[in-house]
């Protein structure tokens, strides 16, 4: 998705962040530092909160699938991490009781740790073979195999050997 295409969602994302931060500030009676955000998140993750940097990263592939659902669920999810870190510090669990309370009681969003957006197909696929079929490895898994990790087929129990890059 181009920067121009992403720009149409920026006002909605900004508004959702301000709404969530405002709710948290009123409840905790604290002035919280608003996080920055960008669209650099890739892979299987919808969003990530970098607590020390006070930054959030969002996945454009998933945002474009269902912008409303993304803005109403993923944005508050990441803001909740930022709020919990600023209020309670770094000793609390990422999806612990504090995070759940912020999500459900302050943001009125169901607290889910995972998303159900479609995940992008791996760009660099590597083919491996056993005795019964061909298996597709991601670049990450291929790298592990190259460094000596042995993978076994779940069906025939034979070791998987590198065939070719897809």
Protein backbone atom coordinates (compact mmCIF):
# COMPACT_ATOMS: atom_id res chain seq x y z
CA UNK A 1 0.00 0.00 0.00
CA UNK A 2 1.39 3.40 -0.95
CA UNK A 3 2.03 6.25 1.48
CA UNK A 4 -0.79 8.15 -0.21
CA UNK A 5 -3.21 5.26 0.30
CA UNK A 6 -2.16 4.99 3.96
CA UNK A 7 -2.71 8.71 4.52
CA UNK A 8 -6.49 8.25 4.33
CA UNK A 9 -6.37 6.24 7.59
CA UNK A 10 -4.07 8.59 9.51
CA UNK A 11 -6.87 10.89 10.82
CA UNK A 12 -8.87 7.88 12.06
CA UNK A 13 -5.82 6.31 13.70
CA UNK A 14 -4.89 9.66 15.29
CA UNK A 15 -8.44 10.06 16.63
CA UNK A 16 -8.47 6.53 18.09
CA UNK A 17 -5.08 7.06 19.77
CA UNK A 18 -6.25 10.40 21.23
CA UNK A 19 -9.50 8.82 22.45
CA UNK A 20 -7.68 5.95 24.16
CA UNK A 21 -4.97 8.15 25.67
CA UNK A 22 -7.61 10.63 26.89
CA UNK A 23 -9.59 7.84 28.59
CA UNK A 24 -6.42 6.60 30.29
CA UNK A 25 -5.34 10.10 31.41
CA UNK A 26 -8.75 10.83 32.93
CA UNK A 27 -8.88 7.49 34.72
CA UNK A 28 -5.32 7.50 36.08
CA UNK A 29 -5.28 11.30 36.57
CA UNK A 30 -1.88 11.45 34.88
CA UNK A 31 -0.48 13.24 31.85
CA UNK A 32 0.72 10.46 29.53
CA UNK A 33 3.10 10.90 26.61
CA UNK A 34 1.30 10.18 23.33
CA UNK A 35 3.09 7.51 21.27
CA UNK A 36 4.32 7.99 17.73
CA UNK A 37 3.45 5.41 15.09
CA UNK A 38 4.42 4.26 11.63
CA UNK A 39 3.45 1.59 9.11
CA UNK A 40 6.67 -0.44 9.14
CA UNK A 41 5.28 -3.63 10.73
CA UNK A 42 5.59 -6.66 8.45
CA UNK A 43 4.90 -10.35 8.53
CA UNK A 44 2.35 -12.10 10.74
CA UNK A 45 2.07 -9.35 13.36
CA UNK A 46 -0.73 -6.76 13.11
CA UNK A 47 1.01 -4.27 15.37
CA UNK A 48 3.84 -3.87 17.84
CA UNK A 49 4.38 -1.43 20.70
CA UNK A 50 8.00 -0.45 21.32
CA UNK A 51 7.70 0.63 24.93
CA UNK A 52 11.13 2.22 25.45
CA UNK A 53 10.74 4.28 22.25
CA UNK A 54 7.06 5.06 22.94
CA UNK A 55 6.37 3.96 19.36
CA UNK A 56 3.83 1.72 17.66
CA UNK A 57 4.18 -0.01 14.31
CA UNK A 58 1.20 -1.12 12.26
CA UNK A 59 0.95 -3.66 9.43
CA UNK A 60 -0.49 -2.07 6.27
CA UNK A 61 -1.33 -5.45 4.72
CA UNK A 62 -3.74 -6.14 7.57
CA UNK A 63 -5.00 -2.55 7.87
CA UNK A 64 -6.20 -2.59 4.26
CA UNK A 65 -8.16 -5.85 4.76
CA UNK A 66 -10.60 -4.31 7.23
CA UNK A 67 -9.67 -0.74 8.23
CA UNK A 68 -12.55 -0.32 10.69
CA UNK A 69 -11.80 -3.56 12.55
CA UNK A 70 -8.07 -2.77 12.56
CA UNK A 71 -8.55 0.74 13.96
CA UNK A 72 -11.10 -0.40 16.55
CA UNK A 73 -9.06 -3.39 17.79
CA UNK A 74 -5.37 -3.31 16.86
CA UNK A 75 -4.76 0.39 17.56
CA UNK A 76 -6.24 0.21 21.11
CA UNK A 77 -4.34 -3.06 21.71
CA UNK A 78 -1.01 -1.33 21.07
CA UNK A 79 -2.01 1.88 22.89
CA UNK A 80 -2.92 -0.27 25.92
CA UNK A 81 0.66 -1.62 25.98
CA UNK A 82 1.99 1.96 25.93
CA UNK A 83 -0.40 3.09 28.69
CA UNK A 84 0.36 0.09 30.92
CA UNK A 85 4.10 0.69 30.52
CA UNK A 86 3.80 4.39 31.37
CA UNK A 87 1.53 3.79 34.37
CA UNK A 88 2.82 0.50 35.83
CA UNK A 89 6.39 0.26 34.48
CA UNK A 90 8.19 -2.62 32.84
CA UNK A 91 7.63 -5.26 35.54
CA UNK A 92 4.10 -6.19 34.39
CA UNK A 93 3.30 -8.96 31.92
CA UNK A 94 2.58 -7.87 28.31
CA UNK A 95 -0.97 -9.27 28.31
CA UNK A 96 -1.41 -9.38 32.05
CA UNK A 97 -4.26 -8.21 34.26
CA UNK A 98 -3.29 -4.52 33.94
CA UNK A 99 -3.37 -4.68 30.15
CA UNK A 100 -6.68 -6.57 30.17
CA UNK A 101 -8.19 -3.99 32.53
CA UNK A 102 -7.07 -1.08 30.33
CA UNK A 103 -8.44 -2.77 27.21
CA UNK A 104 -11.80 -3.80 28.63
CA UNK A 105 -12.59 -1.13 31.24
CA UNK A 106 -10.97 2.00 29.80
CA UNK A 107 -11.09 1.34 26.06
CA UNK A 108 -14.21 -0.88 25.97
CA UNK A 109 -12.47 -3.31 23.61
CA UNK A 110 -12.40 -7.07 24.09
CA UNK A 111 -8.89 -8.08 25.14
CA UNK A 112 -7.47 -10.48 22.55
CA UNK A 113 -3.82 -11.41 22.23
CA UNK A 114 -4.15 -12.55 18.62
CA UNK A 115 -5.80 -11.29 15.45
CA UNK A 116 -7.70 -13.06 12.69
CA UNK A 117 -6.48 -11.03 9.73
CA UNK A 118 -5.15 -12.81 6.67
CA UNK A 119 -1.38 -13.21 6.85
CA UNK A 120 0.73 -12.33 3.79
CA UNK A 121 2.34 -15.20 1.90
CA UNK A 122 6.07 -15.54 2.46
CA UNK A 123 7.92 -13.88 -0.40
CA UNK A 124 10.98 -16.11 -0.38
CA UNK A 125 9.84 -19.72 -0.30
CA UNK A 126 12.21 -22.66 -0.28
CA UNK A 127 11.18 -26.17 -1.25
CA UNK A 128 12.20 -29.16 0.85
CA UNK A 129 11.41 -32.80 0.16
CA UNK A 130 10.86 -35.95 2.17
CA UNK A 131 9.78 -39.41 0.96
CA UNK A 132 6.10 -38.53 0.60
CA UNK A 133 5.73 -34.86 -0.41
CA UNK A 134 7.26 -31.42 -0.96
CA UNK A 135 7.29 -28.87 1.88
CA UNK A 136 7.50 -25.08 1.61
CA UNK A 137 9.86 -23.32 4.04
CA UNK A 138 10.03 -19.62 4.84
CA UNK A 139 13.37 -17.83 4.56
CA UNK A 140 13.63 -17.93 8.35
CA UNK A 141 13.11 -21.69 8.59
CA UNK A 142 15.41 -22.29 5.60
CA UNK A 143 18.11 -20.30 7.41
CA UNK A 144 17.73 -22.50 10.46
CA UNK A 145 17.99 -25.62 8.31
CA UNK A 146 21.15 -24.21 6.69
CA UNK A 147 22.64 -23.75 10.17
CA UNK A 148 22.00 -27.38 11.08
CA UNK A 149 18.45 -27.68 12.43
CA UNK A 150 16.95 -30.99 11.32
CA UNK A 151 13.30 -31.03 10.21
CA UNK A 152 11.28 -34.25 10.01
CA UNK A 153 8.10 -34.84 7.99
CA UNK A 154 5.08 -35.39 10.23
CA UNK A 155 3.61 -37.92 7.80
CA UNK A 156 6.47 -40.22 6.79
CA UNK A 157 8.94 -39.24 9.57
CA UNK A 158 11.75 -38.87 7.00
CA UNK A 159 14.23 -35.96 7.23
CA UNK A 160 13.51 -33.01 4.95
CA UNK A 161 16.19 -32.12 2.41
CA UNK A 162 16.58 -28.90 0.45
CA UNK A 163 15.26 -29.15 -3.12
CA UNK A 164 15.31 -25.62 -4.60
CA UNK A 165 14.26 -22.02 -4.13
CA UNK A 166 10.68 -21.51 -5.31
